[in-house]
Amino acid sequence: MVLETDSPYLIPPQAVAGSDPTTRNEPVFVRFVAKEVARIKGVSLDEVGEITTKNAKRLLRI
């Protein structure tokens, strides 16, 4: 599994709470995706980060 944000069009609701609703999605919002994956899988956010980073490096051969 790797993570992405659907940039620039689908902004996570948590990202726009209290901010300008016309704000575009940014890669920095991937943390909201990671938090939701951790919640659904019942694992820590750190574990999601470690696994998805490892997977992305393997996929991109870096």
PDB file of N, CA and C in Angstrom:
ATOM      1  N   MET A   1       0.843  -1.170   0.000  1.00  0.00           N
ATOM      2  CA  MET A   1       0.000   0.000   0.000  1.00  0.00           C
ATOM      3  C   MET A   1       0.890   1.235   0.000  1.00  0.00           C
ATOM      4  N   VAL A   2       0.520   2.201  -0.811  1.00  0.00           N
ATOM      5  CA  VAL A   2       1.135   3.526  -0.771  1.00  0.00           C
ATOM      6  C   VAL A   2       0.011   4.534  -0.586  1.00  0.00           C
ATOM      7  N   LEU A   3       0.339   5.739  -0.182  1.00  0.00           N
ATOM      8  CA  LEU A   3      -0.676   6.751   0.101  1.00  0.00           C
ATOM      9  C   LEU A   3      -0.620   7.881  -0.909  1.00  0.00           C
ATOM     10  N   GLU A   4      -1.775   8.495  -1.158  1.00  0.00           N
ATOM     11  CA  GLU A   4      -1.869   9.663  -2.031  1.00  0.00           C
ATOM     12  C   GLU A   4      -3.022  10.535  -1.564  1.00  0.00           C
ATOM     13  N   THR A   5      -3.144  11.727  -2.150  1.00  0.00           N
ATOM     14  CA  THR A   5      -4.119  12.697  -1.643  1.00  0.00           C
ATOM     15  C   THR A   5      -5.204  13.114  -2.615  1.00  0.00           C
ATOM     16  N   ASP A   6      -5.222  12.602  -3.831  1.00  0.00           N
ATOM     17  CA  ASP A   6      -6.161  13.072  -4.857  1.00  0.00           C
ATOM     18  C   ASP A   6      -5.971  14.555  -5.155  1.00  0.00           C
ATOM     19  N   SER A   7      -4.767  15.044  -4.987  1.00  0.00           N
ATOM     20  CA  SER A   7      -4.490  16.461  -5.270  1.00  0.00           C
ATOM     21  C   SER A   7      -4.807  16.766  -6.717  1.00  0.00           C
ATOM     22  N   PRO A   8      -5.215  17.952  -7.038  1.00  0.00           N
ATOM     23  CA  PRO A   8      -5.487  19.098  -6.172  1.00  0.00           C
ATOM     24  C   PRO A   8      -6.968  19.292  -5.856  1.00  0.00           C
ATOM     25  N   TYR A   9      -7.837  18.355  -6.241  1.00  0.00           N
ATOM     26  CA  TYR A   9      -9.271  18.640  -6.231  1.00  0.00           C
ATOM     27  C   TYR A   9     -10.057  18.185  -5.006  1.00  0.00           C
ATOM     28  N   LEU A  10      -9.712  17.075  -4.390  1.00  0.00           N
ATOM     29  CA  LEU A  10     -10.507  16.544  -3.287  1.00  0.00           C
ATOM     30  C   LEU A  10      -9.817  16.814  -1.959  1.00  0.00           C
ATOM     31  N   ILE A  11     -10.214  17.882  -1.321  1.00  0.00           N
ATOM     32  CA  ILE A  11      -9.584  18.308  -0.073  1.00  0.00           C
ATOM     33  C   ILE A  11     -10.187  17.534   1.093  1.00  0.00           C
ATOM     34  N   PRO A  12      -9.355  16.932   1.972  1.00  0.00           N
ATOM     35  CA  PRO A  12      -9.889  16.252   3.148  1.00  0.00           C
ATOM     36  C   PRO A  12     -10.686  17.235   4.007  1.00  0.00           C
ATOM     37  N   PRO A  13     -11.857  16.827   4.498  1.00  0.00           N
ATOM     38  CA  PRO A  13     -12.676  17.745   5.305  1.00  0.00           C
ATOM     39  C   PRO A  13     -11.919  18.338   6.490  1.00  0.00           C
ATOM     40  N   GLN A  14     -11.039  17.551   7.116  1.00  0.00           N
ATOM     41  CA  GLN A  14     -10.279  18.047   8.267  1.00  0.00           C
ATOM     42  C   GLN A  14      -9.348  19.188   7.874  1.00  0.00           C
ATOM     43  N   ALA A  15      -8.922  19.210   6.626  1.00  0.00           N
ATOM     44  CA  ALA A  15      -7.976  20.226   6.168  1.00  0.00           C
ATOM     45  C   ALA A  15      -8.631  21.580   5.970  1.00  0.00           C
ATOM     46  N   VAL A  16      -9.931  21.609   5.730  1.00  0.00           N
ATOM     47  CA  VAL A  16     -10.597  22.882   5.459  1.00  0.00           C
ATOM     48  C   VAL A  16     -11.374  23.410   6.655  1.00  0.00           C
ATOM     49  N   ALA A  17     -11.426  22.658   7.727  1.00  0.00           N
ATOM     50  CA  ALA A  17     -12.147  23.122   8.911  1.00  0.00           C
ATOM     51  C   ALA A  17     -11.554  24.441   9.390  1.00  0.00           C
ATOM     52  N   GLY A  18     -12.331  25.490   9.315  1.00  0.00           N
ATOM     53  CA  GLY A  18     -11.894  26.798   9.768  1.00  0.00           C
ATOM     54  C   GLY A  18     -11.002  27.541   8.792  1.00  0.00           C
ATOM     55  N   SER A  19     -10.866  27.036   7.572  1.00  0.00           N
ATOM     56  CA  SER A  19     -10.029  27.736   6.595  1.00  0.00           C
ATOM     57  C   SER A  19     -10.834  28.043   5.340  1.00  0.00           C
ATOM     58  N   ASP A  20     -10.215  28.708   4.429  1.00  0.00           N
ATOM     59  CA  ASP A  20     -10.842  29.081   3.166  1.00  0.00           C
ATOM     60  C   ASP A  20     -11.235  27.824   2.386  1.00  0.00           C
ATOM     61  N   PRO A  21     -12.519  27.625   2.090  1.00  0.00           N
ATOM     62  CA  PRO A  21     -12.952  26.405   1.396  1.00  0.00           C
ATOM     63  C   PRO A  21     -12.462  26.315  -0.047  1.00  0.00           C
ATOM     64  N   THR A  22     -11.911  27.384  -0.581  1.00  0.00           N
ATOM     65  CA  THR A  22     -11.384  27.327  -1.944  1.00  0.00           C
ATOM     66  C   THR A  22      -9.920  26.896  -1.964  1.00  0.00           C
ATOM     67  N   THR A  23      -9.367  26.635  -0.791  1.00  0.00           N
ATOM     68  CA  THR A  23      -7.989  26.176  -0.700  1.00  0.00           C
ATOM     69  C   THR A  23      -7.840  24.881  -1.485  1.00  0.00           C
ATOM     70  N   ARG A  24      -6.739  24.757  -2.213  1.00  0.00           N
ATOM     71  CA  ARG A  24      -6.539  23.527  -2.969  1.00  0.00           C
ATOM     72  C   ARG A  24      -5.882  22.465  -2.102  1.00  0.00           C
ATOM     73  N   ASN A  25      -6.040  21.232  -2.486  1.00  0.00           N
ATOM     74  CA  ASN A  25      -5.409  20.120  -1.800  1.00  0.00           C
ATOM     75  C   ASN A  25      -3.906  20.176  -2.051  1.00  0.00           C
ATOM     76  N   GLU A  26      -3.139  19.802  -1.070  1.00  0.00           N
ATOM     77  CA  GLU A  26      -1.681  19.810  -1.161  1.00  0.00           C
ATOM     78  C   GLU A  26      -1.152  18.456  -0.689  1.00  0.00           C
ATOM     79  N   PRO A  27       0.014  18.028  -1.153  1.00  0.00           N
ATOM     80  CA  PRO A  27       0.580  16.761  -0.700  1.00  0.00           C
ATOM     81  C   PRO A  27       0.731  16.661   0.821  1.00  0.00           C
ATOM     82  N   VAL A  28       0.898  17.791   1.496  1.00  0.00           N
ATOM     83  CA  VAL A  28       1.038  17.769   2.952  1.00  0.00           C
ATOM     84  C   VAL A  28      -0.193  17.160   3.634  1.00  0.00           C
ATOM     85  N   PHE A  29      -1.337  17.159   2.964  1.00  0.00           N
ATOM     86  CA  PHE A  29      -2.557  16.606   3.545  1.00  0.00           C
ATOM     87  C   PHE A  29      -2.583  15.081   3.544  1.00  0.00           C
ATOM     88  N   VAL A  30      -1.540  14.445   3.027  1.00  0.00           N
ATOM     89  CA  VAL A  30      -1.490  12.984   3.032  1.00  0.00           C
ATOM     90  C   VAL A  30      -1.550  12.455   4.466  1.00  0.00           C
ATOM     91  N   ARG A  31      -1.195  13.276   5.433  1.00  0.00           N
ATOM     92  CA  ARG A  31      -1.269  12.832   6.836  1.00  0.00           C
ATOM     93  C   ARG A  31      -2.698  12.475   7.234  1.00  0.00           C
ATOM     94  N   PHE A  32      -3.687  13.160   6.666  1.00  0.00           N
ATOM     95  CA  PHE A  32      -5.078  12.828   6.970  1.00  0.00           C
ATOM     96  C   PHE A  32      -5.442  11.461   6.398  1.00  0.00           C
ATOM     97  N   VAL A  33      -4.904  11.140   5.242  1.00  0.00           N
ATOM     98  CA  VAL A  33      -5.114   9.818   4.643  1.00  0.00           C
ATOM     99  C   VAL A  33      -4.467   8.760   5.529  1.00  0.00           C
ATOM    100  N   ALA A  34      -3.245   9.013   5.968  1.00  0.00           N
ATOM    101  CA  ALA A  34      -2.526   8.068   6.824  1.00  0.00           C
ATOM    102  C   ALA A  34      -3.264   7.837   8.143  1.00  0.00           C
ATOM    103  N   LYS A  35      -3.793   8.894   8.741  1.00  0.00           N
ATOM    104  CA  LYS A  35      -4.537   8.752  10.000  1.00  0.00           C
ATOM    105  C   LYS A  35      -5.773   7.887   9.814  1.00  0.00           C
ATOM    106  N   GLU A  36      -6.464   8.058   8.696  1.00  0.00           N
ATOM    107  CA  GLU A  36      -7.666   7.264   8.436  1.00  0.00           C
ATOM    108  C   GLU A  36      -7.310   5.803   8.174  1.00  0.00           C
ATOM    109  N   VAL A  37      -6.234   5.560   7.451  1.00  0.00           N
ATOM    110  CA  VAL A  37      -5.781   4.182   7.225  1.00  0.00           C
ATOM    111  C   VAL A  37      -5.434   3.530   8.561  1.00  0.00           C
ATOM    112  N   ALA A  38      -4.721   4.239   9.420  1.00  0.00           N
ATOM    113  CA  ALA A  38      -4.361   3.705  10.736  1.00  0.00           C
ATOM    114  C   ALA A  38      -5.608   3.375  11.548  1.00  0.00           C
ATOM    115  N   ARG A  39      -6.589   4.253  11.519  1.00  0.00           N
ATOM    116  CA  ARG A  39      -7.831   4.012  12.264  1.00  0.00           C
ATOM    117  C   ARG A  39      -8.542   2.769  11.736  1.00  0.00           C
ATOM    118  N   ILE A  40      -8.682   2.670  10.433  1.00  0.00           N
ATOM    119  CA  ILE A  40      -9.397   1.541   9.826  1.00  0.00           C
ATOM    120  C   ILE A  40      -8.667   0.223  10.076  1.00  0.00           C
ATOM    121  N   LYS A  41      -7.338   0.239   9.950  1.00  0.00           N
ATOM    122  CA  LYS A  41      -6.551  -0.987  10.109  1.00  0.00           C
ATOM    123  C   LYS A  41      -6.284  -1.330  11.576  1.00  0.00           C
ATOM    124  N   GLY A  42      -6.547  -0.382  12.481  1.00  0.00           N
ATOM    125  CA  GLY A  42      -6.305  -0.631  13.897  1.00  0.00           C
ATOM    126  C   GLY A  42      -4.826  -0.701  14.245  1.00  0.00           C
ATOM    127  N   VAL A  43      -4.028   0.134  13.580  1.00  0.00           N
ATOM    128  CA  VAL A  43      -2.589   0.180  13.843  1.00  0.00           C
ATOM    129  C   VAL A  43      -2.192   1.623  14.137  1.00  0.00           C
ATOM    130  N   SER A  44      -0.955   1.800  14.557  1.00  0.00           N
ATOM    131  CA  SER A  44      -0.492   3.154  14.873  1.00  0.00           C
ATOM    132  C   SER A  44      -0.182   3.937  13.599  1.00  0.00           C
ATOM    133  N   LEU A  45      -0.222   5.246  13.733  1.00  0.00           N
ATOM    134  CA  LEU A  45       0.138   6.123  12.622  1.00  0.00           C
ATOM    135  C   LEU A  45       1.598   5.897  12.228  1.00  0.00           C
ATOM    136  N   ASP A  46       2.455   5.658  13.208  1.00  0.00           N
ATOM    137  CA  ASP A  46       3.867   5.377  12.918  1.00  0.00           C
ATOM    138  C   ASP A  46       4.017   4.118  12.063  1.00  0.00           C
ATOM    139  N   GLU A  47       3.231   3.092  12.378  1.00  0.00           N
ATOM    140  CA  GLU A  47       3.307   1.852  11.605  1.00  0.00           C
ATOM    141  C   GLU A  47       2.872   2.079  10.159  1.00  0.00           C
ATOM    142  N   VAL A  48       1.808   2.835   9.963  1.00  0.00           N
ATOM    143  CA  VAL A  48       1.368   3.165   8.604  1.00  0.00           C
ATOM    144  C   VAL A  48       2.478   3.914   7.874  1.00  0.00           C
ATOM    145  N   GLY A  49       3.097   4.865   8.542  1.00  0.00           N
ATOM    146  CA  GLY A  49       4.181   5.626   7.930  1.00  0.00           C
ATOM    147  C   GLY A  49       5.362   4.761   7.537  1.00  0.00           C
ATOM    148  N   GLU A  50       5.755   3.867   8.424  1.00  0.00           N
ATOM    149  CA  GLU A  50       6.895   2.988   8.137  1.00  0.00           C
ATOM    150  C   GLU A  50       6.606   2.068   6.955  1.00  0.00           C
ATOM    151  N   ILE A  51       5.441   1.442   6.966  1.00  0.00           N
ATOM    152  CA  ILE A  51       5.095   0.481   5.916  1.00  0.00           C
ATOM    153  C   ILE A  51       4.919   1.165   4.569  1.00  0.00           C
ATOM    154  N   THR A  52       4.199   2.272   4.552  1.00  0.00           N
ATOM    155  CA  THR A  52       3.948   2.929   3.264  1.00  0.00           C
ATOM    156  C   THR A  52       5.211   3.588   2.706  1.00  0.00           C
ATOM    157  N   THR A  53       6.094   4.057   3.575  1.00  0.00           N
ATOM    158  CA  THR A  53       7.373   4.600   3.105  1.00  0.00           C
ATOM    159  C   THR A  53       8.217   3.493   2.486  1.00  0.00           C
ATOM    160  N   LYS A  54       8.282   2.360   3.163  1.00  0.00           N
ATOM    161  CA  LYS A  54       9.024   1.210   2.637  1.00  0.00           C
ATOM    162  C   LYS A  54       8.451   0.783   1.285  1.00  0.00           C
ATOM    163  N   ASN A  55       7.129   0.714   1.182  1.00  0.00           N
ATOM    164  CA  ASN A  55       6.487   0.306  -0.069  1.00  0.00           C
ATOM    165  C   ASN A  55       6.761   1.295  -1.200  1.00  0.00           C
ATOM    166  N   ALA A  56       6.681   2.581  -0.902  1.00  0.00           N
ATOM    167  CA  ALA A  56       6.927   3.599  -1.929  1.00  0.00           C
ATOM    168  C   ALA A  56       8.370   3.527  -2.423  1.00  0.00           C
ATOM    169  N   LYS A  57       9.317   3.334  -1.505  1.00  0.00           N
ATOM    170  CA  LYS A  57      10.723   3.222  -1.903  1.00  0.00           C
ATOM    171  C   LYS A  57      10.942   2.001  -2.792  1.00  0.00           C
ATOM    172  N   ARG A  58      10.285   0.912  -2.438  1.00  0.00           N
ATOM    173  CA  ARG A  58      10.423  -0.298  -3.251  1.00  0.00           C
ATOM    174  C   ARG A  58       9.785  -0.090  -4.625  1.00  0.00           C
ATOM    175  N   LEU A  59       8.613   0.512  -4.667  1.00  0.00           N
ATOM    176  CA  LEU A  59       7.918   0.771  -5.927  1.00  0.00           C
ATOM    177  C   LEU A  59       8.736   1.679  -6.846  1.00  0.00           C
ATOM    178  N   LEU A  60       9.309   2.729  -6.263  1.00  0.00           N
ATOM    179  CA  LEU A  60      10.071   3.709  -7.040  1.00  0.00           C
ATOM    180  C   LEU A  60      11.545   3.328  -7.215  1.00  0.00           C
ATOM    181  N   ARG A  61      11.915   2.217  -6.598  1.00  0.00           N
ATOM    182  CA  ARG A  61      13.299   1.721  -6.659  1.00  0.00           C
ATOM    183  C   ARG A  61      14.307   2.767  -6.185  1.00  0.00           C
ATOM    184  N   ILE A  62      14.017   3.332  -5.009  1.00  0.00           N
ATOM    185  CA  ILE A  62      14.944   4.313  -4.425  1.00  0.00           C
ATOM    186  C   ILE A  62      15.404   3.847  -3.053  1.00  0.00           C
TER     187      ILE A  62
END
